[in-house]
Amino acid sequence: MTTPLASSPAADRNKQPILEVLQQVLPARGTALEIASGTGQHVAWFGAAMRSWIWQPSDADPPALPAIEAWSQQAGLTNVRSPVLLDVMAPQWPSSGPPFDGPFDAVYCANMLHISPWPTCAALMRGAARHLALDGVLITYGPYLEDGVPTAPGNLAFDASLRERDPRWGIRRLADVAAQANQVGLRLQARHQMPANNLLLVFGRSQ
């Protein structure tokens, strides 16, 4: 039986702008771990466009894994591995099964920090620091609050709706996220303005 393709309109809209930045900031080839792959649309899109990269999708929700794999299987991608169960809060990544075949040249995480409790940010940073190559980068994407930068009305409304759904959720301050990264030796290296009031952030080890 064929697994139905899960679909997110937002992922469909932002996959190409994100891809264009990834192609700018990443080398010609490497291995990437995607955290919180969700529907699987991003990793399939990136895998199809960046064939010299090996992609490892993951998600904390077991029922999501077959749908993630379905996107890559439909595209016939051989450079996207089968998704693994990964909860960033777990003491080891992945949460079950054999250890990763790493380290990774990039860890990519989109739209997770604002729809999960704040401690997941520190856990993401710790795990990325463990599994990144020395010159690897952590890339995060989503909405952020920036000191000294007016917040778009849409993001203010989005933040309020998130906190109404779960008080532990909400758009994070970029400065707070960067501070968590600093604690594990990762520094904010680049900030890319993205459509719909989102940012793509690149963190790496101090050189």
Protein backbone atom coordinates (compact mmCIF):
# COMPACT_ATOMS: atom_id res chain seq x y z
CA MET A 1 0.00 0.00 0.00
CA THR A 2 1.37 3.40 -0.98
CA THR A 3 1.88 5.87 1.86
CA PRO A 4 -0.04 9.11 1.15
CA LEU A 5 2.02 12.25 0.77
CA ALA A 6 1.57 14.69 3.65
CA SER A 7 1.52 18.27 2.48
CA SER A 8 2.09 21.66 4.10
CA PRO A 9 1.24 24.79 2.05
CA ALA A 10 3.86 26.76 4.00
CA ALA A 11 6.57 24.19 3.26
CA ASP A 12 5.63 24.30 -0.39
CA ARG A 13 5.94 28.11 -0.45
CA ASN A 14 9.25 28.41 1.37
CA LYS A 15 11.17 25.38 0.05
CA GLN A 16 12.61 27.20 -2.98
CA PRO A 17 13.74 30.40 -1.16
CA ILE A 18 15.40 28.24 1.50
CA LEU A 19 17.06 26.07 -1.15
CA GLU A 20 18.54 29.13 -2.84
CA VAL A 21 20.21 30.22 0.42
CA LEU A 22 21.42 26.69 1.20
CA GLN A 23 23.10 26.59 -2.20
CA GLN A 24 24.89 29.82 -1.31
CA VAL A 25 26.09 28.89 2.17
CA LEU A 26 26.87 25.17 1.81
CA PRO A 27 29.79 23.62 -0.09
CA ALA A 28 29.31 21.60 -3.25
CA ARG A 29 28.98 18.29 -1.40
CA GLY A 30 28.48 16.97 2.09
CA THR A 31 26.13 15.18 4.49
CA ALA A 32 23.21 16.90 6.20
CA LEU A 33 20.94 15.98 9.10
CA GLU A 34 17.46 17.48 9.02
CA ILE A 35 15.78 17.89 12.41
CA ALA A 36 11.96 17.87 12.59
CA SER A 37 11.43 16.95 8.94
CA GLY A 38 7.65 17.22 9.33
CA THR A 39 5.94 16.37 6.05
CA GLY A 40 9.20 15.56 4.27
CA GLN A 41 8.69 18.17 1.55
CA HIS A 42 11.85 20.13 2.37
CA VAL A 43 14.28 17.22 2.40
CA ALA A 44 12.88 15.83 -0.87
CA TRP A 45 13.16 19.24 -2.55
CA PHE A 46 16.68 19.85 -1.29
CA GLY A 47 17.76 16.30 -2.11
CA ALA A 48 16.52 16.60 -5.69
CA ALA A 49 18.31 19.92 -6.23
CA MET A 50 21.53 19.10 -4.34
CA ARG A 51 22.38 15.60 -5.54
CA SER A 52 25.96 15.75 -4.25
CA TRP A 53 24.66 16.01 -0.69
CA ILE A 54 23.48 13.04 1.39
CA TRP A 55 20.42 13.94 3.47
CA GLN A 56 19.31 12.28 6.72
CA PRO A 57 15.72 13.26 7.63
CA SER A 58 14.35 12.78 11.14
CA ASP A 59 11.32 13.54 13.26
CA ALA A 60 10.14 13.05 16.84
CA ASP A 61 6.73 11.77 15.71
CA PRO A 62 6.84 8.08 14.69
CA PRO A 63 3.75 8.27 12.40
CA ALA A 64 5.49 11.02 10.39
CA LEU A 65 8.35 8.78 9.25
CA PRO A 66 6.55 6.83 6.47
CA ALA A 67 5.16 10.04 4.99
CA ILE A 68 8.61 11.66 5.04
CA GLU A 69 10.07 8.70 3.19
CA ALA A 70 7.21 8.71 0.68
CA TRP A 71 8.22 12.12 -0.69
CA SER A 72 11.75 10.98 -1.44
CA GLN A 73 10.64 7.63 -2.80
CA GLN A 74 8.22 9.31 -5.18
CA ALA A 75 11.07 11.46 -6.49
CA GLY A 76 13.34 8.43 -6.81
CA LEU A 77 16.02 10.00 -4.64
CA THR A 78 18.94 7.79 -3.71
CA ASN A 79 20.75 10.53 -1.75
CA VAL A 80 18.02 10.82 0.91
CA ARG A 81 18.28 8.20 3.63
CA SER A 82 15.32 6.63 5.38
CA PRO A 83 14.06 8.91 8.18
CA VAL A 84 14.97 8.13 11.78
CA LEU A 85 13.15 8.80 15.03
CA LEU A 86 14.83 11.74 16.74
CA ASP A 87 13.63 13.73 19.74
CA VAL A 88 16.09 16.57 20.37
CA MET A 89 15.46 16.21 24.12
CA ALA A 90 16.64 12.59 24.14
CA PRO A 91 20.10 11.96 25.66
CA GLN A 92 21.32 10.47 22.39
CA TRP A 93 20.49 11.04 18.73
CA PRO A 94 18.75 9.24 17.12
CA SER A 95 16.29 8.23 19.80
CA SER A 96 16.36 4.56 18.73
CA GLY A 97 18.25 2.32 16.38
CA PRO A 98 21.96 2.39 15.51
CA PRO A 99 24.05 5.55 15.95
CA PHE A 100 24.40 8.08 13.15
CA ASP A 101 26.94 7.59 10.41
CA GLY A 102 28.40 11.05 11.04
CA PRO A 103 29.64 13.64 11.70
CA PHE A 104 27.48 15.92 9.57
CA ASP A 105 28.58 18.88 7.49
CA ALA A 106 25.24 20.57 8.18
CA VAL A 107 22.36 20.25 10.61
CA TYR A 108 19.17 21.87 9.31
CA CYS A 109 16.11 22.67 11.44
CA ALA A 110 13.11 24.64 10.18
CA ASN A 111 10.07 25.86 12.09
CA MET A 112 10.65 23.89 15.27
CA LEU A 113 11.76 26.34 17.93
CA HIS A 114 8.51 28.31 18.05
CA ILE A 115 6.25 25.24 18.22
CA SER A 116 8.09 23.43 21.00
CA PRO A 117 9.03 24.26 24.60
CA TRP A 118 12.01 26.56 25.08
CA PRO A 119 14.33 23.80 26.44
CA THR A 120 14.34 22.23 22.97
CA CYS A 121 16.53 25.14 21.82
CA ALA A 122 19.35 24.25 24.19
CA ALA A 123 18.91 20.57 23.31
CA LEU A 124 19.14 21.36 19.59
CA MET A 125 22.35 23.29 20.15
CA ARG A 126 23.92 20.54 22.29
CA GLY A 127 23.04 17.83 19.80
CA ALA A 128 24.22 19.84 16.83
CA ALA A 129 27.54 20.55 18.54
CA ARG A 130 27.99 16.80 19.17
CA HIS A 131 27.21 15.70 15.63
CA LEU A 132 28.63 18.50 13.46
CA ALA A 133 31.98 18.21 11.75
CA LEU A 134 34.54 20.74 12.95
CA ASP A 135 33.72 23.08 10.06
CA GLY A 136 30.04 22.11 9.92
CA VAL A 137 27.13 24.52 10.31
CA LEU A 138 23.78 24.52 12.06
CA ILE A 139 21.08 26.20 9.97
CA THR A 140 17.76 27.22 11.49
CA TYR A 141 14.78 28.77 9.73
CA GLY A 142 11.65 30.43 11.04
CA PRO A 143 10.31 33.64 12.61
CA TYR A 144 12.38 35.42 15.26
CA LEU A 145 12.06 38.47 17.46
CA GLU A 146 15.01 40.85 17.06
CA ASP A 147 16.03 43.55 19.50
CA GLY A 148 15.82 46.95 17.83
CA VAL A 149 13.90 45.61 14.82
CA PRO A 150 10.12 46.22 14.67
CA THR A 151 8.21 42.94 14.68
CA ALA A 152 5.85 42.51 11.73
CA PRO A 153 2.15 42.59 12.73
CA GLY A 154 1.73 39.13 11.24
CA ASN A 155 4.43 37.72 13.48
CA LEU A 156 2.92 39.41 16.55
CA ALA A 157 -0.43 37.81 15.78
CA PHE A 158 1.25 34.47 15.08
CA ASP A 159 3.12 34.62 18.39
CA ALA A 160 -0.11 35.34 20.28
CA SER A 161 -1.88 32.44 18.58
CA LEU A 162 0.99 30.07 19.40
CA ARG A 163 0.98 31.03 23.08
CA GLU A 164 -2.78 30.62 23.21
CA ARG A 165 -2.44 27.08 21.86
CA ASP A 166 0.38 26.24 24.29
CA PRO A 167 1.93 28.68 26.78
CA ARG A 168 5.29 26.96 26.28
CA TRP A 169 5.35 27.91 22.60
CA GLY A 170 6.10 31.24 20.95
CA ILE A 171 8.45 33.06 18.60
CA ARG A 172 11.93 33.17 20.15
CA ARG A 173 14.27 36.13 20.53
CA LEU A 174 17.22 35.77 18.21
CA ALA A 175 19.53 36.96 20.99
CA ASP A 176 18.30 34.18 23.28
CA VAL A 177 18.79 31.53 20.60
CA ALA A 178 22.29 32.83 19.85
CA ALA A 179 23.12 32.74 23.57
CA GLN A 180 22.17 29.06 23.74
CA ALA A 181 24.38 28.39 20.72
CA ASN A 182 27.27 30.26 22.32
CA GLN A 183 27.15 27.96 25.35
CA VAL A 184 28.17 25.00 23.18
CA GLY A 185 30.74 26.83 21.09
CA LEU A 186 28.53 27.78 18.15
CA ARG A 187 28.41 31.38 16.94
CA LEU A 188 25.94 33.15 14.69
CA GLN A 189 27.83 33.53 11.41
CA ALA A 190 25.12 34.76 9.05
CA ARG A 191 21.56 36.09 9.08
CA HIS A 192 19.49 35.88 5.90
CA GLN A 193 16.20 37.75 5.54
CA MET A 194 13.57 35.44 4.06
CA PRO A 195 10.05 35.92 2.67
CA ALA A 196 7.05 36.21 5.00
CA ASN A 197 9.09 37.77 7.84
CA ASN A 198 11.25 34.71 8.44
CA LEU A 199 15.01 34.42 8.95
CA LEU A 200 17.55 31.78 8.03
CA LEU A 201 20.37 31.67 10.56
CA VAL A 202 23.76 30.01 10.13
CA PHE A 203 25.74 28.98 13.22
CA GLY A 204 29.27 27.59 13.20
CA ARG A 205 32.20 26.99 15.48
CA SER A 206 34.55 29.85 16.24
CA GLN A 207 37.46 29.91 13.82
